[in-house]
Amino acid sequence: MHDAARLLGISPTTLRRLEKDKEVKGYGLRVYYTPGGQRRYSTSEIEQFFLNRGFSGKIGFGKKPVLLVIDCNTLFTTKKESPLYGEWNKEVEQIALLVNTAHQTNCPVVFAHSCYQENDLGLEIYTKKIPAMLSLKRTIKDVKLDDRIKEKKSDIHLMYKYLSVYYQTELLELLKKHSCDTLIICGFSTSGAIRTVVTETIQYGIRPIVPAEAVGDRDDYVHRSNLADINTKFGDVVSVHDTIRYLMRRD
């Protein structure tokens, strides 16, 4: 019930109150009951509800993909003493699969690492909100990619500030160089850089694709809520399996 309420943008209490004759009034959703009397809702029916209102359509894959991996480095994934660390072992495994497949299929790979720069007024303000950002590395040579991710010499590494990998970086120029029409976005965190990059990517005429199992957040509720919102308004949230199948089958 809580997941259904979150997807609909209402409280569980309201969702329960709107139910009448095994249907959620005003939303056209059926209520299914388990043998134990627990309510269940269909995700596909919720998606159809948004689709009928002009949301949750599908963008689909294009023909020229680039894989963008955000903050998959030791500060975020292995160093438990780091204030930026998250329990993301499963997500890193999925990211490794995507990187390996990208290499096999000649799909360009870009690694983006958030950084901290001294004498940046905006960052000085931002660290008041998120003091953990002071632990970020200052230069690319100080960043260590997670050992589970196998990189190639052709892979590109970028340093970015704040939440946008586009801001004051060469990302857009790189995407144009590769005639990119599909940006596959994975890494951390869902509510921060992932969401920000997704919302910006579409304005450049590029399809934002998010493999659900290859992104993560420190709060599972926030993670799921942002994935649902991304899929409703900004990009396609798909499975890693479907993403790999696309990469393997494209011309």
C-alpha atoms as a PDB file:
ATOM      1  CA  MET A   1       0.000   0.000   0.000  1.00  0.00           C
ATOM      2  CA  HIS A   2       2.772   2.444   0.895  1.00  0.00           C
ATOM      3  CA  ASP A   3       4.461   1.963  -2.501  1.00  0.00           C
ATOM      4  CA  ALA A   4       1.165   2.481  -4.360  1.00  0.00           C
ATOM      5  CA  ALA A   5       0.418   5.618  -2.341  1.00  0.00           C
ATOM      6  CA  ARG A   6       3.898   6.974  -3.054  1.00  0.00           C
ATOM      7  CA  LEU A   7       3.518   6.395  -6.794  1.00  0.00           C
ATOM      8  CA  LEU A   8       0.162   8.171  -6.769  1.00  0.00           C
ATOM      9  CA  GLY A   9       1.442  11.046  -4.641  1.00  0.00           C
ATOM     10  CA  ILE A  10      -1.084  10.557  -1.840  1.00  0.00           C
ATOM     11  CA  SER A  11      -0.899   9.232   1.708  1.00  0.00           C
ATOM     12  CA  PRO A  12      -1.730   5.585   2.583  1.00  0.00           C
ATOM     13  CA  THR A  13      -4.617   6.921   4.691  1.00  0.00           C
ATOM     14  CA  THR A  14      -6.080   8.760   1.695  1.00  0.00           C
ATOM     15  CA  LEU A  15      -5.597   5.716  -0.520  1.00  0.00           C
ATOM     16  CA  ARG A  16      -7.479   3.579   1.971  1.00  0.00           C
ATOM     17  CA  ARG A  17     -10.232   6.193   2.319  1.00  0.00           C
ATOM     18  CA  LEU A  18     -10.767   6.378  -1.458  1.00  0.00           C
ATOM     19  CA  GLU A  19     -11.419   2.662  -1.703  1.00  0.00           C
ATOM     20  CA  LYS A  20     -15.002   1.597  -2.384  1.00  0.00           C
ATOM     21  CA  ASP A  21     -16.191  -1.726  -3.749  1.00  0.00           C
ATOM     22  CA  LYS A  22     -12.601  -2.883  -4.305  1.00  0.00           C
ATOM     23  CA  GLU A  23     -11.731   0.142  -6.415  1.00  0.00           C
ATOM     24  CA  VAL A  24      -9.815   3.380  -5.757  1.00  0.00           C
ATOM     25  CA  LYS A  25     -12.302   6.067  -6.734  1.00  0.00           C
ATOM     26  CA  GLY A  26     -10.999   8.781  -9.017  1.00  0.00           C
ATOM     27  CA  TYR A  27      -8.039   6.672 -10.128  1.00  0.00           C
ATOM     28  CA  GLY A  28      -9.710   3.678 -11.718  1.00  0.00           C
ATOM     29  CA  LEU A  29      -7.474   1.251  -9.842  1.00  0.00           C
ATOM     30  CA  ARG A  30      -8.620  -2.140  -8.655  1.00  0.00           C
ATOM     31  CA  VAL A  31      -7.792  -3.328  -5.157  1.00  0.00           C
ATOM     32  CA  TYR A  32      -6.653  -6.922  -4.872  1.00  0.00           C
ATOM     33  CA  TYR A  33      -6.748  -8.793  -1.579  1.00  0.00           C
ATOM     34  CA  THR A  34      -4.411 -11.560  -0.495  1.00  0.00           C
ATOM     35  CA  PRO A  35      -5.789 -14.591   1.381  1.00  0.00           C
ATOM     36  CA  GLY A  36      -4.526 -12.863   4.524  1.00  0.00           C
ATOM     37  CA  GLY A  37      -6.594  -9.738   3.772  1.00  0.00           C
ATOM     38  CA  GLN A  38      -3.748  -7.444   2.715  1.00  0.00           C
ATOM     39  CA  ARG A  39      -4.353  -4.917  -0.051  1.00  0.00           C
ATOM     40  CA  ARG A  40      -2.417  -5.163  -3.296  1.00  0.00           C
ATOM     41  CA  TYR A  41      -2.307  -2.815  -6.296  1.00  0.00           C
ATOM     42  CA  SER A  42      -1.137  -3.301  -9.864  1.00  0.00           C
ATOM     43  CA  THR A  43       1.893  -1.245 -10.920  1.00  0.00           C
ATOM     44  CA  SER A  44       0.809  -1.509 -14.559  1.00  0.00           C
ATOM     45  CA  GLU A  45      -2.600  -0.026 -13.688  1.00  0.00           C
ATOM     46  CA  ILE A  46      -0.917   2.865 -11.880  1.00  0.00           C
ATOM     47  CA  GLU A  47       1.312   3.461 -14.918  1.00  0.00           C
ATOM     48  CA  GLN A  48      -1.742   3.369 -17.156  1.00  0.00           C
ATOM     49  CA  PHE A  49      -3.431   5.949 -14.928  1.00  0.00           C
ATOM     50  CA  PHE A  50      -0.540   8.368 -15.490  1.00  0.00           C
ATOM     51  CA  LEU A  51      -0.378   7.501 -19.178  1.00  0.00           C
ATOM     52  CA  ASN A  52      -4.057   8.405 -19.563  1.00  0.00           C
ATOM     53  CA  ARG A  53      -3.259  11.762 -17.980  1.00  0.00           C
ATOM     54  CA  GLY A  54      -0.410  12.422 -20.391  1.00  0.00           C
ATOM     55  CA  PHE A  55       2.446  11.068 -18.242  1.00  0.00           C
ATOM     56  CA  SER A  56       4.562   7.889 -18.096  1.00  0.00           C
ATOM     57  CA  GLY A  57       4.998   7.486 -21.838  1.00  0.00           C
ATOM     58  CA  LYS A  58       8.043   5.644 -23.193  1.00  0.00           C
ATOM     59  CA  ILE A  59      10.992   7.378 -24.849  1.00  0.00           C
ATOM     60  CA  GLY A  60      12.760   4.206 -25.939  1.00  0.00           C
ATOM     61  CA  PHE A  61      16.361   3.569 -26.923  1.00  0.00           C
ATOM     62  CA  GLY A  62      18.061   5.332 -29.815  1.00  0.00           C
ATOM     63  CA  LYS A  63      20.933   4.175 -31.999  1.00  0.00           C
ATOM     64  CA  LYS A  64      24.005   5.918 -30.554  1.00  0.00           C
ATOM     65  CA  PRO A  65      24.364   5.216 -26.831  1.00  0.00           C
ATOM     66  CA  VAL A  66      26.907   6.395 -24.285  1.00  0.00           C
ATOM     67  CA  LEU A  67      27.178   4.892 -20.805  1.00  0.00           C
ATOM     68  CA  LEU A  68      27.595   7.428 -17.978  1.00  0.00           C
ATOM     69  CA  VAL A  69      28.733   6.040 -14.605  1.00  0.00           C
ATOM     70  CA  ILE A  70      28.427   8.517 -11.742  1.00  0.00           C
ATOM     71  CA  ASP A  71      30.454   8.367  -8.512  1.00  0.00           C
ATOM     72  CA  CYS A  72      31.303   4.685  -8.617  1.00  0.00           C
ATOM     73  CA  ASN A  73      34.551   5.258  -6.749  1.00  0.00           C
ATOM     74  CA  THR A  74      35.916   4.105  -3.419  1.00  0.00           C
ATOM     75  CA  LEU A  75      34.680   7.120  -1.436  1.00  0.00           C
ATOM     76  CA  PHE A  76      31.118   6.080  -2.269  1.00  0.00           C
ATOM     77  CA  THR A  77      31.291   2.292  -2.553  1.00  0.00           C
ATOM     78  CA  THR A  78      34.038   0.695  -0.446  1.00  0.00           C
ATOM     79  CA  LYS A  79      35.439   3.023   2.218  1.00  0.00           C
ATOM     80  CA  LYS A  80      33.018   2.565   5.100  1.00  0.00           C
ATOM     81  CA  GLU A  81      34.714   5.324   7.065  1.00  0.00           C
ATOM     82  CA  SER A  82      33.794   7.809   4.314  1.00  0.00           C
ATOM     83  CA  PRO A  83      30.730   9.963   5.107  1.00  0.00           C
ATOM     84  CA  LEU A  84      29.684   9.453   1.471  1.00  0.00           C
ATOM     85  CA  TYR A  85      29.681   5.640   1.665  1.00  0.00           C
ATOM     86  CA  GLY A  86      26.562   3.643   0.809  1.00  0.00           C
ATOM     87  CA  GLU A  87      25.693  -0.065   0.958  1.00  0.00           C
ATOM     88  CA  TRP A  88      25.688  -0.553  -2.794  1.00  0.00           C
ATOM     89  CA  ASN A  89      27.338  -3.905  -3.478  1.00  0.00           C
ATOM     90  CA  LYS A  90      24.451  -5.204  -5.604  1.00  0.00           C
ATOM     91  CA  GLU A  91      24.284  -1.982  -7.581  1.00  0.00           C
ATOM     92  CA  VAL A  92      28.048  -2.019  -8.233  1.00  0.00           C
ATOM     93  CA  GLU A  93      27.753  -5.578  -9.580  1.00  0.00           C
ATOM     94  CA  GLN A  94      25.103  -4.407 -12.037  1.00  0.00           C
ATOM     95  CA  ILE A  95      27.176  -1.385 -13.035  1.00  0.00           C
ATOM     96  CA  ALA A  96      30.130  -3.695 -13.696  1.00  0.00           C
ATOM     97  CA  LEU A  97      27.928  -5.763 -16.031  1.00  0.00           C
ATOM     98  CA  LEU A  98      26.888  -2.639 -17.921  1.00  0.00           C
ATOM     99  CA  VAL A  99      30.475  -1.402 -18.247  1.00  0.00           C
ATOM    100  CA  ASN A 100      31.662  -4.798 -19.494  1.00  0.00           C
ATOM    101  CA  THR A 101      28.842  -4.949 -22.030  1.00  0.00           C
ATOM    102  CA  ALA A 102      29.554  -1.405 -23.190  1.00  0.00           C
ATOM    103  CA  HIS A 103      33.185  -2.345 -23.783  1.00  0.00           C
ATOM    104  CA  GLN A 104      32.153  -5.461 -25.716  1.00  0.00           C
ATOM    105  CA  THR A 105      29.784  -3.509 -27.940  1.00  0.00           C
ATOM    106  CA  ASN A 106      31.953  -0.427 -28.551  1.00  0.00           C
ATOM    107  CA  CYS A 107      29.677   1.824 -26.545  1.00  0.00           C
ATOM    108  CA  PRO A 108      31.650   4.781 -25.122  1.00  0.00           C
ATOM    109  CA  VAL A 109      31.964   4.849 -21.321  1.00  0.00           C
ATOM    110  CA  VAL A 110      32.251   8.034 -19.261  1.00  0.00           C
ATOM    111  CA  PHE A 111      33.035   7.982 -15.532  1.00  0.00           C
ATOM    112  CA  ALA A 112      32.014  11.107 -13.622  1.00  0.00           C
ATOM    113  CA  HIS A 113      33.361  11.896 -10.149  1.00  0.00           C
ATOM    114  CA  SER A 114      32.052  14.670  -7.942  1.00  0.00           C
ATOM    115  CA  CYS A 115      34.756  16.904  -6.527  1.00  0.00           C
ATOM    116  CA  TYR A 116      35.347  19.768  -4.150  1.00  0.00           C
ATOM    117  CA  GLN A 117      37.205  22.904  -5.180  1.00  0.00           C
ATOM    118  CA  GLU A 118      38.613  25.482  -2.830  1.00  0.00           C
ATOM    119  CA  ASN A 119      37.513  29.113  -3.129  1.00  0.00           C
ATOM    120  CA  ASP A 120      34.223  28.193  -4.823  1.00  0.00           C
ATOM    121  CA  LEU A 121      31.562  30.325  -3.152  1.00  0.00           C
ATOM    122  CA  GLY A 122      28.741  28.049  -4.223  1.00  0.00           C
ATOM    123  CA  LEU A 123      30.459  24.960  -2.831  1.00  0.00           C
ATOM    124  CA  GLU A 124      31.200  26.785   0.408  1.00  0.00           C
ATOM    125  CA  ILE A 125      27.464  27.361   0.773  1.00  0.00           C
ATOM    126  CA  TYR A 126      26.591  23.845  -0.393  1.00  0.00           C
ATOM    127  CA  THR A 127      28.857  22.230   2.200  1.00  0.00           C
ATOM    128  CA  LYS A 128      26.882  23.955   4.919  1.00  0.00           C
ATOM    129  CA  LYS A 129      23.971  21.794   3.768  1.00  0.00           C
ATOM    130  CA  ILE A 130      26.064  18.674   3.098  1.00  0.00           C
ATOM    131  CA  PRO A 131      29.306  18.859   5.138  1.00  0.00           C
ATOM    132  CA  ALA A 132      30.257  15.376   3.841  1.00  0.00           C
ATOM    133  CA  MET A 133      31.190  17.016   0.542  1.00  0.00           C
ATOM    134  CA  LEU A 134      34.352  18.344   2.158  1.00  0.00           C
ATOM    135  CA  SER A 135      35.708  14.779   1.963  1.00  0.00           C
ATOM    136  CA  LEU A 136      35.502  14.768  -1.855  1.00  0.00           C
ATOM    137  CA  LYS A 137      38.739  14.609  -3.821  1.00  0.00           C
ATOM    138  CA  ARG A 138      40.172  17.724  -5.409  1.00  0.00           C
ATOM    139  CA  THR A 139      41.784  16.241  -8.537  1.00  0.00           C
ATOM    140  CA  ILE A 140      41.196  13.289 -10.858  1.00  0.00           C
ATOM    141  CA  LYS A 141      44.490  11.642  -9.867  1.00  0.00           C
ATOM    142  CA  ASP A 142      43.195  11.321  -6.290  1.00  0.00           C
ATOM    143  CA  VAL A 143      40.074   9.409  -7.358  1.00  0.00           C
ATOM    144  CA  LYS A 144      40.148   5.606  -7.284  1.00  0.00           C
ATOM    145  CA  LEU A 145      37.540   3.712  -9.268  1.00  0.00           C
ATOM    146  CA  ASP A 146      35.895   0.769  -7.497  1.00  0.00           C
ATOM    147  CA  ASP A 147      38.059  -2.306  -8.195  1.00  0.00           C
ATOM    148  CA  ARG A 148      35.013  -4.281  -9.336  1.00  0.00           C
ATOM    149  CA  ILE A 149      34.670  -1.966 -12.307  1.00  0.00           C
ATOM    150  CA  LYS A 150      37.073  -2.894 -15.103  1.00  0.00           C
ATOM    151  CA  GLU A 151      37.961   0.152 -17.170  1.00  0.00           C
ATOM    152  CA  LYS A 152      39.669   0.491 -20.544  1.00  0.00           C
ATOM    153  CA  LYS A 153      42.154   3.088 -21.700  1.00  0.00           C
ATOM    154  CA  SER A 154      39.505   4.513 -24.018  1.00  0.00           C
ATOM    155  CA  ASP A 155      37.173   5.301 -21.101  1.00  0.00           C
ATOM    156  CA  ILE A 156      36.831   8.960 -20.130  1.00  0.00           C
ATOM    157  CA  HIS A 157      36.944  10.387 -16.598  1.00  0.00           C
ATOM    158  CA  LEU A 158      35.366  13.725 -15.662  1.00  0.00           C
ATOM    159  CA  MET A 159      35.301  15.733 -12.455  1.00  0.00           C
ATOM    160  CA  TYR A 160      32.114  17.668 -11.735  1.00  0.00           C
ATOM    161  CA  LYS A 161      30.797  19.989  -9.034  1.00  0.00           C
ATOM    162  CA  TYR A 162      27.402  20.140  -7.352  1.00  0.00           C
ATOM    163  CA  LEU A 163      24.869  17.699  -8.833  1.00  0.00           C
ATOM    164  CA  SER A 164      25.128  18.241 -12.577  1.00  0.00           C
ATOM    165  CA  VAL A 165      27.714  16.380 -14.632  1.00  0.00           C
ATOM    166  CA  TYR A 166      26.996  18.904 -17.405  1.00  0.00           C
ATOM    167  CA  TYR A 167      27.904  21.973 -15.344  1.00  0.00           C
ATOM    168  CA  GLN A 168      31.337  23.361 -16.306  1.00  0.00           C
ATOM    169  CA  THR A 169      32.479  20.029 -17.803  1.00  0.00           C
ATOM    170  CA  GLU A 170      33.058  18.708 -21.313  1.00  0.00           C
ATOM    171  CA  LEU A 171      30.287  16.095 -21.071  1.00  0.00           C
ATOM    172  CA  LEU A 172      27.991  17.672 -23.651  1.00  0.00           C
ATOM    173  CA  GLU A 173      30.869  18.112 -26.117  1.00  0.00           C
ATOM    174  CA  LEU A 174      31.785  14.442 -25.675  1.00  0.00           C
ATOM    175  CA  LEU A 175      28.208  13.335 -26.307  1.00  0.00           C
ATOM    176  CA  LYS A 176      28.048  15.451 -29.446  1.00  0.00           C
ATOM    177  CA  LYS A 177      31.383  14.036 -30.604  1.00  0.00           C
ATOM    178  CA  HIS A 178      29.913  10.530 -30.430  1.00  0.00           C
ATOM    179  CA  SER A 179      26.595  11.656 -31.990  1.00  0.00           C
ATOM    180  CA  CYS A 180      24.951  10.371 -28.820  1.00  0.00           C
ATOM    181  CA  ASP A 181      21.166  10.094 -28.871  1.00  0.00           C
ATOM    182  CA  THR A 182      20.853   7.791 -25.826  1.00  0.00           C
ATOM    183  CA  LEU A 183      22.533   8.370 -22.465  1.00  0.00           C
ATOM    184  CA  ILE A 184      22.445   5.353 -20.157  1.00  0.00           C
ATOM    185  CA  ILE A 185      22.857   6.770 -16.640  1.00  0.00           C
ATOM    186  CA  CYS A 186      23.915   4.695 -13.640  1.00  0.00           C
ATOM    187  CA  GLY A 187      25.652   5.196 -10.305  1.00  0.00           C
ATOM    188  CA  PHE A 188      24.901   7.287  -7.221  1.00  0.00           C
ATOM    189  CA  SER A 189      22.775   8.735  -5.914  1.00  0.00           C
ATOM    190  CA  THR A 190      19.293   8.429  -7.344  1.00  0.00           C
ATOM    191  CA  SER A 191      17.901  11.543  -5.665  1.00  0.00           C
ATOM    192  CA  GLY A 192      20.998  13.636  -6.405  1.00  0.00           C
ATOM    193  CA  ALA A 193      23.208  13.458  -9.474  1.00  0.00           C
ATOM    194  CA  ILE A 194      21.201  10.716 -11.228  1.00  0.00           C
ATOM    195  CA  ARG A 195      17.951  12.661 -11.117  1.00  0.00           C
ATOM    196  CA  THR A 196      19.668  15.950 -12.002  1.00  0.00           C
ATOM    197  CA  VAL A 197      21.440  14.519 -15.051  1.00  0.00           C
ATOM    198  CA  VAL A 198      18.261  12.806 -16.257  1.00  0.00           C
ATOM    199  CA  THR A 199      16.259  16.030 -16.121  1.00  0.00           C
ATOM    200  CA  GLU A 200      18.979  17.938 -17.988  1.00  0.00           C
ATOM    201  CA  THR A 201      19.744  15.307 -20.634  1.00  0.00           C
ATOM    202  CA  ILE A 202      16.408  15.461 -22.412  1.00  0.00           C
ATOM    203  CA  GLN A 203      16.763  19.210 -23.072  1.00  0.00           C
ATOM    204  CA  TYR A 204      19.760  18.424 -25.302  1.00  0.00           C
ATOM    205  CA  GLY A 205      17.720  16.086 -27.489  1.00  0.00           C
ATOM    206  CA  ILE A 206      19.222  12.985 -25.885  1.00  0.00           C
ATOM    207  CA  ARG A 207      17.195  10.072 -24.477  1.00  0.00           C
ATOM    208  CA  PRO A 208      17.855   9.530 -20.745  1.00  0.00           C
ATOM    209  CA  ILE A 209      17.755   5.833 -19.771  1.00  0.00           C
ATOM    210  CA  VAL A 210      18.122   4.650 -16.153  1.00  0.00           C
ATOM    211  CA  PRO A 211      18.773   0.939 -15.477  1.00  0.00           C
ATOM    212  CA  ALA A 212      16.917   0.529 -12.169  1.00  0.00           C
ATOM    213  CA  GLU A 213      19.216  -2.025 -10.527  1.00  0.00           C
ATOM    214  CA  ALA A 214      22.329   0.033 -11.358  1.00  0.00           C
ATOM    215  CA  VAL A 215      21.453   3.169  -9.365  1.00  0.00           C
ATOM    216  CA  GLY A 216      21.175   3.587  -5.620  1.00  0.00           C
ATOM    217  CA  ASP A 217      20.500   5.949  -2.759  1.00  0.00           C
ATOM    218  CA  ARG A 218      21.199   5.857   0.951  1.00  0.00           C
ATOM    219  CA  ASP A 219      17.470   5.919   1.692  1.00  0.00           C
ATOM    220  CA  ASP A 220      15.430   3.211  -0.046  1.00  0.00           C
ATOM    221  CA  TYR A 221      12.175   5.177   0.146  1.00  0.00           C
ATOM    222  CA  VAL A 222      13.814   8.229  -1.444  1.00  0.00           C
ATOM    223  CA  HIS A 223      15.406   5.936  -4.049  1.00  0.00           C
ATOM    224  CA  ARG A 224      12.105   4.359  -5.084  1.00  0.00           C
ATOM    225  CA  SER A 225      10.238   7.652  -5.020  1.00  0.00           C
ATOM    226  CA  ASN A 226      12.748   9.340  -7.320  1.00  0.00           C
ATOM    227  CA  LEU A 227      12.836   6.391  -9.716  1.00  0.00           C
ATOM    228  CA  ALA A 228       9.057   6.538  -9.964  1.00  0.00           C
ATOM    229  CA  ASP A 229       9.117  10.285 -10.610  1.00  0.00           C
ATOM    230  CA  ILE A 230      11.873   9.968 -13.224  1.00  0.00           C
ATOM    231  CA  ASN A 231       9.901   7.298 -15.045  1.00  0.00           C
ATOM    232  CA  THR A 232       6.728   9.379 -14.899  1.00  0.00           C
ATOM    233  CA  LYS A 233       8.161  12.653 -16.203  1.00  0.00           C
ATOM    234  CA  PHE A 234      11.752  12.709 -17.400  1.00  0.00           C
ATOM    235  CA  GLY A 235      13.180   9.454 -18.759  1.00  0.00           C
ATOM    236  CA  ASP A 236      12.786   5.698 -19.044  1.00  0.00           C
ATOM    237  CA  VAL A 237      13.532   3.514 -16.026  1.00  0.00           C
ATOM    238  CA  VAL A 238      14.297   0.063 -17.395  1.00  0.00           C
ATOM    239  CA  SER A 239      15.955  -3.141 -16.219  1.00  0.00           C
ATOM    240  CA  VAL A 240      19.659  -3.872 -16.543  1.00  0.00           C
ATOM    241  CA  HIS A 241      18.682  -6.969 -18.534  1.00  0.00           C
ATOM    242  CA  ASP A 242      16.820  -4.884 -21.123  1.00  0.00           C
ATOM    243  CA  THR A 243      19.688  -2.397 -21.305  1.00  0.00           C
ATOM    244  CA  ILE A 244      22.248  -5.126 -21.927  1.00  0.00           C
ATOM    245  CA  ARG A 245      20.003  -6.732 -24.525  1.00  0.00           C
ATOM    246  CA  TYR A 246      19.722  -3.375 -26.297  1.00  0.00           C
ATOM    247  CA  LEU A 247      23.496  -2.893 -26.305  1.00  0.00           C
ATOM    248  CA  MET A 248      24.090  -6.411 -27.642  1.00  0.00           C
ATOM    249  CA  ARG A 249      21.462  -6.190 -30.381  1.00  0.00           C
ATOM    250  CA  ARG A 250      21.973  -2.669 -31.708  1.00  0.00           C
ATOM    251  CA  ASP A 251      23.489  -2.176 -35.138  1.00  0.00           C
END
